Amino acid sequence: MDDTWREKIIELAEPLVASQGMELVEAECLRMKSRWLVRLYIDRESGVTVDDCARISHELGDILNVYNVPPGPYNLEVSSPGFDRPLAREKDFMTYRGHTVTIRLSEGIEGRKNFKGLLKECIALQEGMVLVLEVEGKEYRIQRSLVAKAHLEYDLSDGGIHT
């Protein structure tokens, strides 16, 4: 993921999304072979509709074109975060304490980079947030700064988000 362009896209998209009464949950900017893929997840308490996504896509596409962000051709996808919503901001982790999450780390802890377990707590420390994750009866304390990617775990077999 290209963080430079991602940050610029967030800077341009957040005011637009907020002006429509929604929040920007996450943005991704990925370099593909011949073009960029720009993916935004938007949400609001009452949920988002296909029309909301289409409106934001159309308006944001115009803005991205004016600023030439990202440079060159791109595909723009705007959608709801869905049941397996990404957890990107500290407030996302705080909101979904008590839920099952999947986390991928940039550096391994005890020989592993992938964790799926109950997000028990989020502790704000001077050096940054620490996530307390229970995995198969074992508790891990994970620095938020090590989290490369995280999302809620949704299990269709029992009909919902794990709590």
Protein backbone atom coordinates (compact mmCIF):
# COMPACT_ATOMS: atom_id res chain seq x y z
CA MET A 1 0.00 0.00 0.00
CA ASP A 2 1.32 3.46 -0.87
CA ASP A 3 1.02 5.46 2.35
CA THR A 4 2.00 8.78 0.75
CA TRP A 5 -0.93 8.73 -1.67
CA ARG A 6 -3.19 7.12 0.95
CA GLU A 7 -2.66 10.07 3.32
CA LYS A 8 -3.37 12.59 0.54
CA ILE A 9 -6.55 10.69 -0.43
CA ILE A 10 -7.70 10.70 3.21
CA GLU A 11 -7.01 14.44 3.40
CA LEU A 12 -9.17 15.03 0.31
CA ALA A 13 -11.90 12.48 1.11
CA GLU A 14 -12.60 13.10 4.81
CA PRO A 15 -14.19 16.55 4.44
CA LEU A 16 -16.35 15.34 1.54
CA VAL A 17 -17.54 12.24 3.41
CA ALA A 18 -18.16 14.25 6.62
CA SER A 19 -20.18 16.84 4.67
CA GLN A 20 -22.56 14.02 3.72
CA GLY A 21 -23.04 12.97 7.36
CA MET A 22 -20.79 9.93 7.10
CA GLU A 23 -17.36 8.93 8.34
CA LEU A 24 -14.37 7.65 6.44
CA VAL A 25 -13.57 4.30 8.05
CA GLU A 26 -10.53 3.41 5.95
CA ALA A 27 -8.77 4.24 2.70
CA GLU A 28 -6.40 2.09 0.68
CA CYS A 29 -4.22 3.06 -2.25
CA LEU A 30 -2.65 0.11 -4.04
CA ARG A 31 -0.37 0.14 -7.07
CA MET A 32 -1.47 -2.47 -9.59
CA LYS A 33 0.29 -3.38 -12.89
CA SER A 34 -1.16 -0.65 -15.09
CA ARG A 35 -3.18 1.51 -12.70
CA TRP A 36 -3.90 2.38 -9.10
CA LEU A 37 -6.68 0.94 -6.98
CA VAL A 38 -8.20 3.44 -4.56
CA ARG A 39 -10.60 1.86 -2.09
CA LEU A 40 -12.65 3.77 0.50
CA TYR A 41 -14.89 2.43 3.24
CA ILE A 42 -17.56 4.82 4.49
CA ASP A 43 -20.18 4.41 7.20
CA ARG A 44 -22.73 6.10 9.42
CA GLU A 45 -24.92 4.86 12.26
CA SER A 46 -27.92 4.25 10.02
CA GLY A 47 -25.72 2.54 7.43
CA VAL A 48 -24.83 3.58 3.90
CA THR A 49 -26.70 2.87 0.70
CA VAL A 50 -25.50 2.10 -2.81
CA ASP A 51 -26.60 5.63 -3.74
CA ASP A 52 -24.40 7.08 -0.96
CA CYS A 53 -21.41 5.13 -2.29
CA ALA A 54 -22.10 6.20 -5.87
CA ARG A 55 -22.45 9.87 -4.87
CA ILE A 56 -19.19 9.88 -2.89
CA SER A 57 -17.42 7.99 -5.69
CA HIS A 58 -18.55 10.50 -8.33
CA GLU A 59 -17.68 13.58 -6.26
CA LEU A 60 -14.39 12.20 -4.96
CA GLY A 61 -13.37 11.08 -8.46
CA ASP A 62 -13.68 14.69 -9.62
CA ILE A 63 -11.57 15.89 -6.68
CA LEU A 64 -8.88 13.24 -7.22
CA ASN A 65 -8.69 14.17 -10.90
CA VAL A 66 -8.21 17.87 -10.10
CA TYR A 67 -5.36 17.08 -7.71
CA ASN A 68 -3.95 14.24 -9.89
CA VAL A 69 -4.06 11.88 -6.91
CA PRO A 70 -2.92 9.22 -7.35
CA PRO A 71 -0.85 10.06 -10.42
CA GLY A 72 -2.05 8.27 -13.52
CA PRO A 73 -5.03 6.02 -14.16
CA TYR A 74 -6.91 4.54 -11.21
CA ASN A 75 -10.02 2.61 -10.27
CA LEU A 76 -12.04 4.02 -7.39
CA GLU A 77 -14.14 1.75 -5.16
CA VAL A 78 -16.37 3.17 -2.43
CA SER A 79 -18.29 0.82 -0.17
CA SER A 80 -19.64 0.11 3.27
CA PRO A 81 -17.09 -1.52 5.58
CA GLY A 82 -19.34 -4.60 5.84
CA PHE A 83 -19.52 -7.08 8.69
CA ASP A 84 -15.77 -7.72 8.63
CA ARG A 85 -15.06 -4.01 8.84
CA PRO A 86 -11.44 -2.93 8.92
CA LEU A 87 -10.08 -1.57 12.19
CA ALA A 88 -7.72 1.22 11.24
CA ARG A 89 -8.01 3.98 13.84
CA GLU A 90 -7.51 3.82 17.59
CA LYS A 91 -11.20 4.68 18.07
CA ASP A 92 -12.12 1.58 15.99
CA PHE A 93 -10.26 -0.66 18.42
CA MET A 94 -11.90 1.10 21.38
CA THR A 95 -15.37 0.70 19.84
CA TYR A 96 -15.00 -3.02 19.18
CA ARG A 97 -13.55 -4.14 22.51
CA GLY A 98 -15.25 -7.41 23.44
CA HIS A 99 -15.43 -8.58 19.81
CA THR A 100 -13.39 -11.17 17.94
CA VAL A 101 -10.83 -9.62 15.63
CA THR A 102 -8.18 -10.78 13.19
CA ILE A 103 -4.88 -8.93 13.35
CA ARG A 104 -1.80 -9.13 11.11
CA LEU A 105 1.41 -7.63 12.49
CA SER A 106 4.31 -6.00 10.69
CA GLU A 107 6.70 -7.80 13.07
CA GLY A 108 6.18 -11.16 14.74
CA ILE A 109 5.49 -11.76 18.42
CA GLU A 110 6.53 -15.14 19.78
CA GLY A 111 7.11 -16.34 16.24
CA ARG A 112 3.75 -15.36 14.80
CA LYS A 113 2.33 -12.45 12.84
CA ASN A 114 -1.34 -13.47 12.56
CA PHE A 115 -3.75 -13.48 15.47
CA LYS A 116 -7.47 -14.15 15.76
CA GLY A 117 -9.01 -13.66 19.16
CA LEU A 118 -11.09 -11.63 21.58
CA LEU A 119 -10.10 -7.96 21.82
CA LYS A 120 -10.32 -7.63 25.59
CA GLU A 121 -8.91 -4.17 26.15
CA CYS A 122 -7.16 -1.18 24.64
CA ILE A 123 -4.73 0.54 26.97
CA ALA A 124 -3.51 4.07 26.23
CA LEU A 125 0.10 4.42 27.33
CA GLN A 126 2.55 7.25 26.81
CA GLU A 127 4.40 5.18 24.17
CA GLY A 128 1.14 4.36 22.38
CA MET A 129 -1.88 2.11 22.54
CA VAL A 130 -1.56 -1.52 23.60
CA LEU A 131 -4.17 -4.07 22.52
CA VAL A 132 -4.95 -6.93 24.90
CA LEU A 133 -5.97 -9.93 22.79
CA GLU A 134 -7.03 -13.33 24.09
CA VAL A 135 -6.20 -16.15 21.68
CA GLU A 136 -7.06 -19.74 22.62
CA GLY A 137 -6.88 -18.96 26.34
CA LYS A 138 -3.59 -17.06 26.11
CA GLU A 139 -3.37 -13.29 26.52
CA TYR A 140 -1.18 -11.18 24.21
CA ARG A 141 -0.29 -7.52 24.70
CA ILE A 142 0.29 -6.06 21.25
CA GLN A 143 1.60 -2.58 20.50
CA ARG A 144 -0.91 -0.85 18.19
CA SER A 145 2.06 0.43 16.15
CA LEU A 146 2.85 -3.19 15.13
CA VAL A 147 -0.61 -3.76 13.59
CA ALA A 148 -0.32 -3.83 9.79
CA LYS A 149 -3.97 -4.80 9.22
CA ALA A 150 -6.94 -5.64 11.43
CA HIS A 151 -10.62 -6.36 10.96
CA LEU A 152 -13.67 -7.65 12.80
CA GLU A 153 -14.25 -11.36 12.46
CA TYR A 154 -17.69 -12.27 11.13
CA ASP A 155 -18.86 -15.87 11.28
CA LEU A 156 -21.77 -16.76 9.01
CA SER A 157 -22.20 -20.16 10.66
CA ASP A 158 -23.58 -18.59 13.84
CA GLY A 159 -25.15 -15.59 12.17
CA GLY A 160 -23.07 -12.70 13.39
CA ILE A 161 -20.16 -10.87 14.77
CA HIS A 162 -18.41 -12.69 17.56
CA THR A 163 -18.74 -11.11 20.97
